[in-house]
Every structure is written in structure tokens, then in C-alpha cells.
C-alpha atoms as a PDB file:
ATOM      1  CA  UNK A   1     -85.347 125.003 -26.274  1.00  0.00           C
ATOM      2  CA  UNK A   2     -81.874 125.411 -25.816  1.00  0.00           C
ATOM      3  CA  UNK A   3     -80.267 125.949 -22.482  1.00  0.00           C
ATOM      4  CA  UNK A   4     -79.033 129.159 -23.595  1.00  0.00           C
ATOM      5  CA  UNK A   5     -82.992 130.644 -24.162  1.00  0.00           C
ATOM      6  CA  UNK A   6     -84.109 129.812 -20.654  1.00  0.00           C
ATOM      7  CA  UNK A   7     -83.309 133.428 -19.567  1.00  0.00           C
ATOM      8  CA  UNK A   8     -85.781 134.390 -21.969  1.00  0.00           C
ATOM      9  CA  UNK A   9     -88.510 132.414 -20.865  1.00  0.00           C
ATOM     10  CA  UNK A  10     -91.306 134.690 -18.981  1.00  0.00           C
ATOM     11  CA  UNK A  11     -90.639 132.646 -15.681  1.00  0.00           C
ATOM     12  CA  UNK A  12     -88.479 134.370 -12.829  1.00  0.00           C
ATOM     13  CA  UNK A  13     -87.566 130.913 -11.803  1.00  0.00           C
ATOM     14  CA  UNK A  14     -86.152 130.190 -15.171  1.00  0.00           C
ATOM     15  CA  UNK A  15     -84.336 133.816 -15.610  1.00  0.00           C
ATOM     16  CA  UNK A  16     -82.352 133.141 -12.000  1.00  0.00           C
ATOM     17  CA  UNK A  17     -81.681 129.684 -13.079  1.00  0.00           C
ATOM     18  CA  UNK A  18     -79.813 131.479 -16.274  1.00  0.00           C
ATOM     19  CA  UNK A  19     -77.800 133.197 -13.944  1.00  0.00           C
ATOM     20  CA  UNK A  20     -77.370 131.489 -10.739  1.00  0.00           C
ATOM     21  CA  UNK A  21     -78.494 127.812 -11.960  1.00  0.00           C
ATOM     22  CA  UNK A  22     -74.889 126.582 -12.420  1.00  0.00           C
ATOM     23  CA  UNK A  23     -73.384 124.602  -9.562  1.00  0.00           C
ATOM     24  CA  UNK A  24     -70.104 126.338  -9.809  1.00  0.00           C
ATOM     25  CA  UNK A  25     -71.722 129.394  -9.629  1.00  0.00           C
ATOM     26  CA  UNK A  26     -73.481 128.680  -6.522  1.00  0.00           C
ATOM     27  CA  UNK A  27     -70.257 127.410  -5.087  1.00  0.00           C
ATOM     28  CA  UNK A  28     -68.406 130.457  -5.525  1.00  0.00           C
ATOM     29  CA  UNK A  29     -71.007 132.665  -4.138  1.00  0.00           C
ATOM     30  CA  UNK A  30     -70.936 130.237  -1.063  1.00  0.00           C
ATOM     31  CA  UNK A  31     -67.310 130.834  -0.721  1.00  0.00           C
ATOM     32  CA  UNK A  32     -67.925 134.834  -1.141  1.00  0.00           C
ATOM     33  CA  UNK A  33     -70.306 134.287   1.843  1.00  0.00           C
ATOM     34  CA  UNK A  34     -68.464 132.237   4.134  1.00  0.00           C
ATOM     35  CA  UNK A  35     -65.525 135.134   3.379  1.00  0.00           C
ATOM     36  CA  UNK A  36     -63.158 133.856   1.083  1.00  0.00           C
ATOM     37  CA  UNK A  37     -63.096 136.581  -1.774  1.00  0.00           C
ATOM     38  CA  UNK A  38     -60.105 135.866  -3.700  1.00  0.00           C
ATOM     39  CA  UNK A  39     -59.615 134.259  -6.772  1.00  0.00           C
ATOM     40  CA  UNK A  40     -56.789 131.960  -5.473  1.00  0.00           C
ATOM     41  CA  UNK A  41     -58.718 130.917  -2.317  1.00  0.00           C
ATOM     42  CA  UNK A  42     -61.723 130.520  -4.549  1.00  0.00           C
ATOM     43  CA  UNK A  43     -59.802 128.641  -6.838  1.00  0.00           C
ATOM     44  CA  UNK A  44     -58.402 126.510  -4.236  1.00  0.00           C
ATOM     45  CA  UNK A  45     -61.624 125.477  -2.443  1.00  0.00           C
ATOM     46  CA  UNK A  46     -63.721 124.422  -5.453  1.00  0.00           C
ATOM     47  CA  UNK A  47     -61.158 122.874  -7.113  1.00  0.00           C
ATOM     48  CA  UNK A  48     -62.440 124.506 -10.489  1.00  0.00           C
ATOM     49  CA  UNK A  49     -60.242 125.258 -13.478  1.00  0.00           C
ATOM     50  CA  UNK A  50     -58.792 128.661 -13.489  1.00  0.00           C
ATOM     51  CA  UNK A  51     -60.507 129.086 -16.883  1.00  0.00           C
ATOM     52  CA  UNK A  52     -63.728 128.106 -15.745  1.00  0.00           C
ATOM     53  CA  UNK A  53     -63.765 130.227 -12.259  1.00  0.00           C
ATOM     54  CA  UNK A  54     -62.390 133.393 -14.476  1.00  0.00           C
ATOM     55  CA  UNK A  55     -65.506 132.747 -16.899  1.00  0.00           C
ATOM     56  CA  UNK A  56     -68.168 132.535 -14.106  1.00  0.00           C
ATOM     57  CA  UNK A  57     -66.704 135.335 -12.041  1.00  0.00           C
ATOM     58  CA  UNK A  58     -67.038 137.318 -15.076  1.00  0.00           C
ATOM     59  CA  UNK A  59     -70.129 136.528 -15.438  1.00  0.00           C
ATOM     60  CA  UNK A  60     -71.499 137.295 -11.946  1.00  0.00           C
ATOM     61  CA  UNK A  61     -69.739 140.527 -12.566  1.00  0.00           C
ATOM     62  CA  UNK A  62     -71.792 141.222 -15.610  1.00  0.00           C
ATOM     63  CA  UNK A  63     -74.869 140.365 -13.777  1.00  0.00           C
ATOM     64  CA  UNK A  64     -74.101 142.603 -11.030  1.00  0.00           C
ATOM     65  CA  UNK A  65     -74.366 139.769  -8.386  1.00  0.00           C
ATOM     66  CA  UNK A  66     -70.793 140.506  -6.939  1.00  0.00           C
ATOM     67  CA  UNK A  67     -68.182 143.389  -8.008  1.00  0.00           C
ATOM     68  CA  UNK A  68     -64.417 143.567  -8.050  1.00  0.00           C
ATOM     69  CA  UNK A  69     -62.330 145.318  -5.716  1.00  0.00           C
ATOM     70  CA  UNK A  70     -58.747 146.002  -5.669  1.00  0.00           C
ATOM     71  CA  UNK A  71     -56.604 144.950  -2.907  1.00  0.00           C
ATOM     72  CA  UNK A  72     -53.368 144.913  -4.799  1.00  0.00           C
ATOM     73  CA  UNK A  73     -51.735 147.403  -7.131  1.00  0.00           C
ATOM     74  CA  UNK A  74     -48.794 145.767  -8.047  1.00  0.00           C
ATOM     75  CA  UNK A  75     -49.616 143.164  -9.517  1.00  0.00           C
ATOM     76  CA  UNK A  76     -53.349 144.163 -10.045  1.00  0.00           C
ATOM     77  CA  UNK A  77     -55.428 141.719  -7.672  1.00  0.00           C
ATOM     78  CA  UNK A  78     -59.197 141.849  -6.716  1.00  0.00           C
ATOM     79  CA  UNK A  79     -61.183 140.389  -4.253  1.00  0.00           C
ATOM     80  CA  UNK A  80     -64.760 139.777  -5.260  1.00  0.00           C
ATOM     81  CA  UNK A  81     -67.402 141.149  -3.064  1.00  0.00           C
ATOM     82  CA  UNK A  82     -71.358 140.231  -3.160  1.00  0.00           C
ATOM     83  CA  UNK A  83     -73.607 143.385  -4.420  1.00  0.00           C
ATOM     84  CA  UNK A  84     -77.154 143.732  -2.697  1.00  0.00           C
ATOM     85  CA  UNK A  85     -78.459 141.368  -5.427  1.00  0.00           C
ATOM     86  CA  UNK A  86     -75.465 138.721  -4.841  1.00  0.00           C
ATOM     87  CA  UNK A  87     -76.364 139.109  -0.715  1.00  0.00           C
ATOM     88  CA  UNK A  88     -80.008 138.179  -1.482  1.00  0.00           C
ATOM     89  CA  UNK A  89     -78.983 134.912  -2.715  1.00  0.00           C
ATOM     90  CA  UNK A  90     -78.401 134.128   0.626  1.00  0.00           C
ATOM     91  CA  UNK A  91     -81.945 132.210   1.265  1.00  0.00           C
ATOM     92  CA  UNK A  92     -81.406 130.090  -1.545  1.00  0.00           C
ATOM     93  CA  UNK A  93     -77.825 129.258  -0.290  1.00  0.00           C
ATOM     94  CA  UNK A  94     -79.336 128.496   3.274  1.00  0.00           C
ATOM     95  CA  UNK A  95     -82.413 126.378   2.068  1.00  0.00           C
ATOM     96  CA  UNK A  96     -80.322 124.188  -0.564  1.00  0.00           C
ATOM     97  CA  UNK A  97     -77.699 123.686   2.404  1.00  0.00           C
ATOM     98  CA  UNK A  98     -80.392 122.291   4.186  1.00  0.00           C
ATOM     99  CA  UNK A  99     -81.915 120.501   1.771  1.00  0.00           C
ATOM    100  CA  UNK A 100     -78.385 118.983   1.286  1.00  0.00           C
ATOM    101  CA  UNK A 101     -78.077 117.852   4.765  1.00  0.00           C
ATOM    102  CA  UNK A 102     -81.203 116.131   4.874  1.00  0.00           C
ATOM    103  CA  UNK A 103     -81.147 114.277   1.642  1.00  0.00           C
ATOM    104  CA  UNK A 104     -77.603 114.009   0.520  1.00  0.00           C
ATOM    105  CA  UNK A 105     -75.255 113.859   3.423  1.00  0.00           C
ATOM    106  CA  UNK A 106     -74.252 110.983   5.353  1.00  0.00           C
ATOM    107  CA  UNK A 107     -75.672 111.584   8.755  1.00  0.00           C
ATOM    108  CA  UNK A 108     -73.570 114.934   9.306  1.00  0.00           C
ATOM    109  CA  UNK A 109     -73.917 118.742   9.181  1.00  0.00           C
ATOM    110  CA  UNK A 110     -70.743 119.872   7.659  1.00  0.00           C
ATOM    111  CA  UNK A 111     -71.604 123.156   7.953  1.00  0.00           C
ATOM    112  CA  UNK A 112     -73.858 124.696  10.665  1.00  0.00           C
ATOM    113  CA  UNK A 113     -75.771 127.987  10.599  1.00  0.00           C
ATOM    114  CA  UNK A 114     -75.632 130.042  13.813  1.00  0.00           C
ATOM    115  CA  UNK A 115     -78.448 133.208  14.347  1.00  0.00           C
ATOM    116  CA  UNK A 116     -75.640 136.051  15.507  1.00  0.00           C
ATOM    117  CA  UNK A 117     -78.735 137.995  17.212  1.00  0.00           C
ATOM    118  CA  UNK A 118     -79.886 134.688  19.837  1.00  0.00           C
ATOM    119  CA  UNK A 119     -76.547 132.754  19.264  1.00  0.00           C
ATOM    120  CA  UNK A 120     -78.574 129.331  18.532  1.00  0.00           C
ATOM    121  CA  UNK A 121     -78.068 127.210  15.425  1.00  0.00           C
ATOM    122  CA  UNK A 122     -80.704 128.188  13.106  1.00  0.00           C
ATOM    123  CA  UNK A 123     -82.993 126.671  10.734  1.00  0.00           C
ATOM    124  CA  UNK A 124     -84.437 129.400   8.546  1.00  0.00           C
ATOM    125  CA  UNK A 125     -87.894 128.945   7.249  1.00  0.00           C
ATOM    126  CA  UNK A 126     -90.334 130.356   4.354  1.00  0.00           C
ATOM    127  CA  UNK A 127     -92.582 132.574   6.285  1.00  0.00           C
ATOM    128  CA  UNK A 128     -95.656 134.465   5.009  1.00  0.00           C
ATOM    129  CA  UNK A 129     -94.833 138.465   4.989  1.00  0.00           C
ATOM    130  CA  UNK A 130     -98.546 139.037   5.565  1.00  0.00           C
ATOM    131  CA  UNK A 131     -99.091 136.938   8.618  1.00  0.00           C
ATOM    132  CA  UNK A 132     -95.791 135.747   9.846  1.00  0.00           C
ATOM    133  CA  UNK A 133     -96.791 132.191   9.600  1.00  0.00           C
ATOM    134  CA  UNK A 134     -94.225 129.094   8.024  1.00  0.00           C
ATOM    135  CA  UNK A 135     -95.655 128.409   4.349  1.00  0.00           C
ATOM    136  CA  UNK A 136     -95.120 125.193   2.828  1.00  0.00           C
ATOM    137  CA  UNK A 137     -95.624 124.521  -1.018  1.00  0.00           C
ATOM    138  CA  UNK A 138     -99.042 123.058   0.518  1.00  0.00           C
ATOM    139  CA  UNK A 139     -99.957 126.306   1.486  1.00  0.00           C
ATOM    140  CA  UNK A 140     -99.337 128.224  -1.056  1.00  0.00           C
ATOM    141  CA  UNK A 141    -101.718 129.248  -4.150  1.00  0.00           C
ATOM    142  CA  UNK A 142     -99.512 130.345  -7.501  1.00  0.00           C
ATOM    143  CA  UNK A 143    -101.355 132.398  -9.470  1.00  0.00           C
ATOM    144  CA  UNK A 144     -99.449 133.268 -13.197  1.00  0.00           C
ATOM    145  CA  UNK A 145     -99.637 136.387 -14.815  1.00  0.00           C
ATOM    146  CA  UNK A 146    -101.389 136.550 -18.307  1.00  0.00           C
ATOM    147  CA  UNK A 147     -97.621 137.286 -19.955  1.00  0.00           C
ATOM    148  CA  UNK A 148     -96.611 133.648 -18.178  1.00  0.00           C
ATOM    149  CA  UNK A 149     -99.675 131.985 -19.372  1.00  0.00           C
ATOM    150  CA  UNK A 150     -98.935 132.983 -22.782  1.00  0.00           C
ATOM    151  CA  UNK A 151     -95.496 131.845 -22.840  1.00  0.00           C
ATOM    152  CA  UNK A 152     -96.443 128.514 -21.288  1.00  0.00           C
ATOM    153  CA  UNK A 153     -99.229 127.955 -23.944  1.00  0.00           C
ATOM    154  CA  UNK A 154     -96.894 128.894 -26.889  1.00  0.00           C
ATOM    155  CA  UNK A 155     -94.728 126.135 -25.528  1.00  0.00           C
ATOM    156  CA  UNK A 156     -97.777 124.004 -25.786  1.00  0.00           C
ATOM    157  CA  UNK A 157     -98.525 123.379 -21.915  1.00  0.00           C
ATOM    158  CA  UNK A 158    -102.208 122.912 -21.520  1.00  0.00           C
ATOM    159  CA  UNK A 159    -101.964 123.119 -17.680  1.00  0.00           C
ATOM    160  CA  UNK A 160    -101.172 127.066 -17.791  1.00  0.00           C
ATOM    161  CA  UNK A 161    -104.191 128.519 -15.569  1.00  0.00           C
END
């Protein structure tokens, strides 16, 4: 399968990765969440080329993950704001940050996340929406839809259940 076809799979994770699975894209979203919303600022903090940044910002806008908002008419300049779809990436950004702190760092925590409600450093967790208990992979069962099973079987996966 070609990388360009990942978004066609009958899998929500694959379709999500097709839109935000690129490391540059998540770094752009981190900058926007941190309040760095202008092209020059994002460019400086990510270190990516202007062409790559422009291309990814355009793709994020097309996917309705961000929107452009003018802040100058002459010359025309824009800032980039997260839409509701973009804001909903927050748990992903937090989870990847925490994973990076634990498994890829040098023992320090470069970015601490504080809960405004209680002013404590937080470690957001995945919880069951039904009972509120923390939920890890071992506590979950995943059931595939018929469409997903069919899609996996078409690629020769014998474990589609």
C-alpha cells in the first residue's frame, strides 16, 4: 500500500494519521497551542523550510484543523488558529509529550502542563467515559466494525475478528 492511500483505509487511526501523522504537522500544532500563531514564529521554532511550513499550513487549513485569520492588511498577513477539530488534538499532543518525557528524554521535563483549575502539574490520563476509571490497553477490548473487518481481510489479515 502506498503512503498516499492510508487515508482511504477503513481505520480511524489510519485516516487520522493521513491528516496529522507527519512530525512537522504535530510540531506546528504544538506551536499553535503554545500561542505561537504567526508564520514567522512557527518557522523559527520548528526550523522547517518556508516551503514545507507553507505546504503543511495549507493542508491543515484544507483539513479544517486550523483557520487563517488576518492580522495585517498591508501587507496581508495571517495568524493560524486551531478550529474545534484542531483543539481536539490536545489529548494526542499531551500523550505524545508525556511518552517523550518518559522514553526519549534526558531525565528532564522540558514542558510542564499545569491544570488551571487546581494549579497543579498534571498528568492527564485516559479514562472510561462510563465509569470514570483509568483505562489502559489491558483494560480494553476492541471490536471491529464489519467494514473494518472486510477492509483488513482484503489486505490478507487473518486476525480480523
